[in-house]
Amino acid sequence: MDLGIVGQAIGLFAVTNVDDILILSLFFAQGAAHTGSTRRIVLGQYLGFIAILAVAVASAFGATLLPDSAIPYLGLLPLALGLKAAWQAWRHRHEADEERESGEGGPKAVEVAAVTFANGGDNIGVYVPVFATAGAGGTSVYAVVFLVLVAVWCFAGRLFATRPLIARALSRWGHVLLPMVLISIGLLILIDGGAFGL
């Protein structure tokens, strides 16, 4: 395995996914009191990132699975999930924290995957030329390193969400922050991409 490619892969992943740690922390905080939420969040993160990799690899080797004009509309996914989370937070605003957080709720794997994929739409544009020039062998190294780093990112997100000071802040404000972050991400993707003529 070429250590130069491994180092480049680590740098590329870190630069293109730095915002995911905040989102993962919010998801982990939202699911803190829910059974099985860690498993669902990690599964969702992997599903979303594998979808990003699949589209990027296919595009790098000539198959356009997702036209460039469709990428800005991926912003509709986090926007819709953010609006849903905001509605649920507003609907349950008078419940005690214990009532809101008990039971088997928290983020679903498909929701985490959708946000990961939508937030990674710009990653696809960065990965395609890198994969195209790296060839099949280099691309496989990038993919392996990226998939290992997804686990590191999940660990870091969970670690941030469970630090006492951060955990207190997220448990108090997480139900407000998550919708705000998701809606902001959705709007940024739509506006930056020029969706709907924005």
C-alpha atoms as a PDB file:
ATOM      1  CA  MET A   1       0.000   0.000   0.000  1.00  0.00           C
ATOM      2  CA  ASP A   2       1.454   3.362  -1.046  1.00  0.00           C
ATOM      3  CA  LEU A   3       1.898   5.522   2.071  1.00  0.00           C
ATOM      4  CA  GLY A   4       1.784   8.674  -0.061  1.00  0.00           C
ATOM      5  CA  ILE A   5      -1.722   7.815  -1.253  1.00  0.00           C
ATOM      6  CA  VAL A   6      -2.763   6.904   2.302  1.00  0.00           C
ATOM      7  CA  GLY A   7      -1.597  10.318   3.541  1.00  0.00           C
ATOM      8  CA  GLN A   8      -3.379  12.087   0.684  1.00  0.00           C
ATOM      9  CA  ALA A   9      -6.534  10.080   1.394  1.00  0.00           C
ATOM     10  CA  ILE A  10      -6.452  11.034   5.089  1.00  0.00           C
ATOM     11  CA  GLY A  11      -6.010  14.714   4.226  1.00  0.00           C
ATOM     12  CA  LEU A  12      -8.719  14.663   1.555  1.00  0.00           C
ATOM     13  CA  PHE A  13     -11.206  12.933   3.863  1.00  0.00           C
ATOM     14  CA  ALA A  14     -10.504  15.322   6.749  1.00  0.00           C
ATOM     15  CA  VAL A  15     -10.881  18.431   4.588  1.00  0.00           C
ATOM     16  CA  THR A  16     -14.083  17.295   2.878  1.00  0.00           C
ATOM     17  CA  ASN A  17     -15.794  15.891   5.984  1.00  0.00           C
ATOM     18  CA  VAL A  18     -14.882  18.264   8.817  1.00  0.00           C
ATOM     19  CA  ASP A  19     -18.509  19.457   9.075  1.00  0.00           C
ATOM     20  CA  ASP A  20     -19.733  15.889   9.603  1.00  0.00           C
ATOM     21  CA  ILE A  21     -18.306  15.795  13.136  1.00  0.00           C
ATOM     22  CA  LEU A  22     -20.737  18.520  14.240  1.00  0.00           C
ATOM     23  CA  ILE A  23     -23.670  16.765  12.580  1.00  0.00           C
ATOM     24  CA  LEU A  24     -22.662  13.404  14.071  1.00  0.00           C
ATOM     25  CA  SER A  25     -22.330  14.987  17.523  1.00  0.00           C
ATOM     26  CA  LEU A  26     -25.850  16.369  17.220  1.00  0.00           C
ATOM     27  CA  PHE A  27     -27.190  12.979  16.083  1.00  0.00           C
ATOM     28  CA  PHE A  28     -25.410  11.198  18.959  1.00  0.00           C
ATOM     29  CA  ALA A  29     -26.755  13.762  21.442  1.00  0.00           C
ATOM     30  CA  GLN A  30     -30.273  13.334  20.036  1.00  0.00           C
ATOM     31  CA  GLY A  31     -30.032   9.569  20.444  1.00  0.00           C
ATOM     32  CA  ALA A  32     -28.200   9.549  23.805  1.00  0.00           C
ATOM     33  CA  ALA A  33     -31.080   8.095  25.812  1.00  0.00           C
ATOM     34  CA  HIS A  34     -32.410   5.809  23.078  1.00  0.00           C
ATOM     35  CA  THR A  35     -31.677   2.119  22.807  1.00  0.00           C
ATOM     36  CA  GLY A  36     -29.633   1.160  19.749  1.00  0.00           C
ATOM     37  CA  SER A  37     -29.191   4.726  18.507  1.00  0.00           C
ATOM     38  CA  THR A  38     -25.390   4.493  18.282  1.00  0.00           C
ATOM     39  CA  ARG A  39     -25.689   1.458  16.004  1.00  0.00           C
ATOM     40  CA  ARG A  40     -28.273   3.208  13.808  1.00  0.00           C
ATOM     41  CA  ILE A  41     -26.193   6.396  13.535  1.00  0.00           C
ATOM     42  CA  VAL A  42     -23.010   4.504  12.597  1.00  0.00           C
ATOM     43  CA  LEU A  43     -24.945   2.356  10.107  1.00  0.00           C
ATOM     44  CA  GLY A  44     -26.532   5.450   8.581  1.00  0.00           C
ATOM     45  CA  GLN A  45     -23.176   7.226   8.335  1.00  0.00           C
ATOM     46  CA  TYR A  46     -21.667   4.222   6.555  1.00  0.00           C
ATOM     47  CA  LEU A  47     -24.640   3.837   4.200  1.00  0.00           C
ATOM     48  CA  GLY A  48     -24.521   7.513   3.256  1.00  0.00           C
ATOM     49  CA  PHE A  49     -20.770   7.532   2.745  1.00  0.00           C
ATOM     50  CA  ILE A  50     -20.782   4.287   0.739  1.00  0.00           C
ATOM     51  CA  ALA A  51     -23.381   5.900  -1.542  1.00  0.00           C
ATOM     52  CA  ILE A  52     -21.089   8.944  -1.959  1.00  0.00           C
ATOM     53  CA  LEU A  53     -18.172   6.645  -2.801  1.00  0.00           C
ATOM     54  CA  ALA A  54     -20.245   4.596  -5.250  1.00  0.00           C
ATOM     55  CA  VAL A  55     -21.355   7.680  -7.176  1.00  0.00           C
ATOM     56  CA  ALA A  56     -17.840   9.190  -7.162  1.00  0.00           C
ATOM     57  CA  VAL A  57     -16.140   5.962  -8.283  1.00  0.00           C
ATOM     58  CA  ALA A  58     -18.699   5.316 -11.014  1.00  0.00           C
ATOM     59  CA  SER A  59     -18.409   8.890 -12.255  1.00  0.00           C
ATOM     60  CA  ALA A  60     -14.600   8.749 -12.200  1.00  0.00           C
ATOM     61  CA  PHE A  61     -14.654   5.691 -14.438  1.00  0.00           C
ATOM     62  CA  GLY A  62     -17.182   7.023 -16.919  1.00  0.00           C
ATOM     63  CA  ALA A  63     -20.637   6.159 -15.605  1.00  0.00           C
ATOM     64  CA  THR A  64     -22.610   9.237 -14.653  1.00  0.00           C
ATOM     65  CA  LEU A  65     -25.014   7.987 -11.995  1.00  0.00           C
ATOM     66  CA  LEU A  66     -25.897  11.468 -10.798  1.00  0.00           C
ATOM     67  CA  PRO A  67     -25.923  14.360 -13.259  1.00  0.00           C
ATOM     68  CA  ASP A  68     -24.222  17.557 -12.054  1.00  0.00           C
ATOM     69  CA  SER A  69     -27.523  19.422 -12.379  1.00  0.00           C
ATOM     70  CA  ALA A  70     -29.124  17.092  -9.785  1.00  0.00           C
ATOM     71  CA  ILE A  71     -26.513  17.629  -7.030  1.00  0.00           C
ATOM     72  CA  PRO A  72     -27.904  20.979  -5.769  1.00  0.00           C
ATOM     73  CA  TYR A  73     -31.308  19.359  -5.240  1.00  0.00           C
ATOM     74  CA  LEU A  74     -29.777  16.985  -2.692  1.00  0.00           C
ATOM     75  CA  GLY A  75     -30.230  19.945  -0.342  1.00  0.00           C
ATOM     76  CA  LEU A  76     -33.911  19.038  -0.171  1.00  0.00           C
ATOM     77  CA  LEU A  77     -33.045  15.957   1.962  1.00  0.00           C
ATOM     78  CA  PRO A  78     -31.491  17.720   4.980  1.00  0.00           C
ATOM     79  CA  LEU A  79     -33.960  20.589   4.572  1.00  0.00           C
ATOM     80  CA  ALA A  80     -36.914  18.180   4.840  1.00  0.00           C
ATOM     81  CA  LEU A  81     -35.342  16.298   7.761  1.00  0.00           C
ATOM     82  CA  GLY A  82     -34.565  19.601   9.509  1.00  0.00           C
ATOM     83  CA  LEU A  83     -38.139  20.810   9.084  1.00  0.00           C
ATOM     84  CA  LYS A  84     -39.398  17.463  10.409  1.00  0.00           C
ATOM     85  CA  ALA A  85     -37.064  17.707  13.439  1.00  0.00           C
ATOM     86  CA  ALA A  86     -38.166  21.312  14.045  1.00  0.00           C
ATOM     87  CA  TRP A  87     -41.829  20.285  13.905  1.00  0.00           C
ATOM     88  CA  GLN A  88     -41.222  17.442  16.392  1.00  0.00           C
ATOM     89  CA  ALA A  89     -39.289  19.752  18.740  1.00  0.00           C
ATOM     90  CA  TRP A  90     -42.083  22.311  18.613  1.00  0.00           C
ATOM     91  CA  ARG A  91     -44.781  19.673  19.075  1.00  0.00           C
ATOM     92  CA  HIS A  92     -43.033  18.230  22.156  1.00  0.00           C
ATOM     93  CA  ARG A  93     -41.850  21.573  23.576  1.00  0.00           C
ATOM     94  CA  HIS A  94     -43.846  21.213  26.815  1.00  0.00           C
ATOM     95  CA  GLU A  95     -42.696  17.689  27.601  1.00  0.00           C
ATOM     96  CA  ALA A  96     -40.008  17.122  30.196  1.00  0.00           C
ATOM     97  CA  ASP A  97     -36.581  16.109  28.886  1.00  0.00           C
ATOM     98  CA  GLU A  98     -37.016  12.622  30.386  1.00  0.00           C
ATOM     99  CA  GLU A  99     -40.299  12.085  28.501  1.00  0.00           C
ATOM    100  CA  ARG A 100     -38.849  13.413  25.242  1.00  0.00           C
ATOM    101  CA  GLU A 101     -35.759  11.199  25.446  1.00  0.00           C
ATOM    102  CA  SER A 102     -37.159   7.927  26.775  1.00  0.00           C
ATOM    103  CA  GLY A 103     -37.968   4.888  24.689  1.00  0.00           C
ATOM    104  CA  GLU A 104     -36.597   3.716  21.375  1.00  0.00           C
ATOM    105  CA  GLY A 105     -36.397   6.851  19.324  1.00  0.00           C
ATOM    106  CA  GLY A 106     -33.527   8.972  18.167  1.00  0.00           C
ATOM    107  CA  PRO A 107     -32.183   9.259  14.651  1.00  0.00           C
ATOM    108  CA  LYS A 108     -32.999   6.519  12.176  1.00  0.00           C
ATOM    109  CA  ALA A 109     -30.247   5.017  10.016  1.00  0.00           C
ATOM    110  CA  VAL A 110     -31.986   6.137   6.829  1.00  0.00           C
ATOM    111  CA  GLU A 111     -32.185   9.745   8.086  1.00  0.00           C
ATOM    112  CA  VAL A 112     -28.483   9.796   8.977  1.00  0.00           C
ATOM    113  CA  ALA A 113     -27.657   8.228   5.585  1.00  0.00           C
ATOM    114  CA  ALA A 114     -29.753  10.831   3.749  1.00  0.00           C
ATOM    115  CA  VAL A 115     -28.067  13.733   5.546  1.00  0.00           C
ATOM    116  CA  THR A 116     -24.608  12.212   5.024  1.00  0.00           C
ATOM    117  CA  PHE A 117     -25.242  11.700   1.309  1.00  0.00           C
ATOM    118  CA  ALA A 118     -26.771  15.125   0.769  1.00  0.00           C
ATOM    119  CA  ASN A 119     -24.045  16.871   2.753  1.00  0.00           C
ATOM    120  CA  GLY A 120     -21.463  14.929   0.733  1.00  0.00           C
ATOM    121  CA  GLY A 121     -22.758  16.069  -2.658  1.00  0.00           C
ATOM    122  CA  ASP A 122     -19.871  18.511  -2.945  1.00  0.00           C
ATOM    123  CA  ASN A 123     -17.459  15.724  -1.921  1.00  0.00           C
ATOM    124  CA  ILE A 124     -18.424  13.841  -5.068  1.00  0.00           C
ATOM    125  CA  GLY A 125     -17.206  16.724  -7.199  1.00  0.00           C
ATOM    126  CA  VAL A 126     -13.855  16.676  -5.359  1.00  0.00           C
ATOM    127  CA  TYR A 127     -13.444  12.885  -5.352  1.00  0.00           C
ATOM    128  CA  VAL A 128     -14.205  12.273  -9.047  1.00  0.00           C
ATOM    129  CA  PRO A 129     -11.056  13.904 -10.522  1.00  0.00           C
ATOM    130  CA  VAL A 130      -8.888  12.418  -7.745  1.00  0.00           C
ATOM    131  CA  PHE A 131     -10.227   8.904  -8.400  1.00  0.00           C
ATOM    132  CA  ALA A 132      -9.981   9.344 -12.172  1.00  0.00           C
ATOM    133  CA  THR A 133      -6.273  10.172 -11.943  1.00  0.00           C
ATOM    134  CA  ALA A 134      -5.518   7.608  -9.207  1.00  0.00           C
ATOM    135  CA  GLY A 135      -6.653   4.639 -11.305  1.00  0.00           C
ATOM    136  CA  ALA A 136      -8.332   1.502  -9.956  1.00  0.00           C
ATOM    137  CA  GLY A 137      -5.554   0.596  -7.499  1.00  0.00           C
ATOM    138  CA  GLY A 138      -5.226   4.088  -6.059  1.00  0.00           C
ATOM    139  CA  THR A 139      -8.985   4.501  -5.848  1.00  0.00           C
ATOM    140  CA  SER A 140      -9.289   1.283  -3.856  1.00  0.00           C
ATOM    141  CA  VAL A 141      -6.707   2.639  -1.366  1.00  0.00           C
ATOM    142  CA  TYR A 142      -8.678   5.887  -1.074  1.00  0.00           C
ATOM    143  CA  ALA A 143     -11.900   3.918  -0.510  1.00  0.00           C
ATOM    144  CA  VAL A 144     -10.391   1.710   2.225  1.00  0.00           C
ATOM    145  CA  VAL A 145      -8.847   4.696   4.030  1.00  0.00           C
ATOM    146  CA  PHE A 146     -12.119   6.654   3.761  1.00  0.00           C
ATOM    147  CA  LEU A 147     -14.153   3.765   5.198  1.00  0.00           C
ATOM    148  CA  VAL A 148     -11.738   3.399   8.136  1.00  0.00           C
ATOM    149  CA  LEU A 149     -11.952   7.154   8.752  1.00  0.00           C
ATOM    150  CA  VAL A 150     -15.773   7.029   8.806  1.00  0.00           C
ATOM    151  CA  ALA A 151     -15.407   4.907  11.979  1.00  0.00           C
ATOM    152  CA  VAL A 152     -12.940   7.460  13.397  1.00  0.00           C
ATOM    153  CA  TRP A 153     -15.407  10.279  12.602  1.00  0.00           C
ATOM    154  CA  CYS A 154     -18.245   8.378  14.306  1.00  0.00           C
ATOM    155  CA  PHE A 155     -16.055   7.804  17.368  1.00  0.00           C
ATOM    156  CA  ALA A 156     -15.103  11.508  17.461  1.00  0.00           C
ATOM    157  CA  GLY A 157     -18.720  12.616  17.071  1.00  0.00           C
ATOM    158  CA  ARG A 158     -19.830  10.330  19.890  1.00  0.00           C
ATOM    159  CA  LEU A 159     -16.889  11.444  22.037  1.00  0.00           C
ATOM    160  CA  PHE A 160     -17.822  15.116  21.612  1.00  0.00           C
ATOM    161  CA  ALA A 161     -21.466  14.377  22.363  1.00  0.00           C
ATOM    162  CA  THR A 162     -20.584  12.567  25.604  1.00  0.00           C
ATOM    163  CA  ARG A 163     -18.129  15.089  27.112  1.00  0.00           C
ATOM    164  CA  PRO A 164     -19.894  16.452  30.212  1.00  0.00           C
ATOM    165  CA  LEU A 165     -19.872  20.135  29.217  1.00  0.00           C
ATOM    166  CA  ILE A 166     -20.789  19.472  25.586  1.00  0.00           C
ATOM    167  CA  ALA A 167     -23.309  16.783  26.560  1.00  0.00           C
ATOM    168  CA  ARG A 168     -25.115  19.209  28.883  1.00  0.00           C
ATOM    169  CA  ALA A 169     -25.244  21.881  26.183  1.00  0.00           C
ATOM    170  CA  LEU A 170     -26.409  19.414  23.532  1.00  0.00           C
ATOM    171  CA  SER A 171     -29.020  17.847  25.800  1.00  0.00           C
ATOM    172  CA  ARG A 172     -30.387  21.297  26.559  1.00  0.00           C
ATOM    173  CA  TRP A 173     -30.155  22.783  23.060  1.00  0.00           C
ATOM    174  CA  GLY A 174     -29.669  19.786  20.736  1.00  0.00           C
ATOM    175  CA  HIS A 175     -33.375  19.555  19.855  1.00  0.00           C
ATOM    176  CA  VAL A 176     -33.116  23.166  18.605  1.00  0.00           C
ATOM    177  CA  LEU A 177     -29.605  22.971  17.092  1.00  0.00           C
ATOM    178  CA  LEU A 178     -30.184  19.825  14.995  1.00  0.00           C
ATOM    179  CA  PRO A 179     -33.095  21.273  12.982  1.00  0.00           C
ATOM    180  CA  MET A 180     -31.206  24.572  12.562  1.00  0.00           C
ATOM    181  CA  VAL A 181     -28.067  22.810  11.296  1.00  0.00           C
ATOM    182  CA  LEU A 182     -29.991  20.509   8.944  1.00  0.00           C
ATOM    183  CA  ILE A 183     -32.095  23.359   7.531  1.00  0.00           C
ATOM    184  CA  SER A 184     -28.955  25.499   7.098  1.00  0.00           C
ATOM    185  CA  ILE A 185     -27.121  22.689   5.314  1.00  0.00           C
ATOM    186  CA  GLY A 186     -30.097  22.094   3.043  1.00  0.00           C
ATOM    187  CA  LEU A 187     -30.416  25.769   2.166  1.00  0.00           C
ATOM    188  CA  LEU A 188     -26.660  26.139   1.584  1.00  0.00           C
ATOM    189  CA  ILE A 189     -26.610  23.165  -0.777  1.00  0.00           C
ATOM    190  CA  LEU A 190     -29.632  24.518  -2.681  1.00  0.00           C
ATOM    191  CA  ILE A 191     -28.307  28.100  -2.877  1.00  0.00           C
ATOM    192  CA  ASP A 192     -24.665  27.233  -3.641  1.00  0.00           C
ATOM    193  CA  GLY A 193     -25.775  24.880  -6.382  1.00  0.00           C
ATOM    194  CA  GLY A 194     -28.209  27.347  -7.905  1.00  0.00           C
ATOM    195  CA  ALA A 195     -31.226  25.068  -7.445  1.00  0.00           C
ATOM    196  CA  PHE A 196     -34.554  26.643  -8.404  1.00  0.00           C
ATOM    197  CA  GLY A 197     -32.614  29.588  -9.815  1.00  0.00           C
ATOM    198  CA  LEU A 198     -31.444  30.704  -6.333  1.00  0.00           C
END
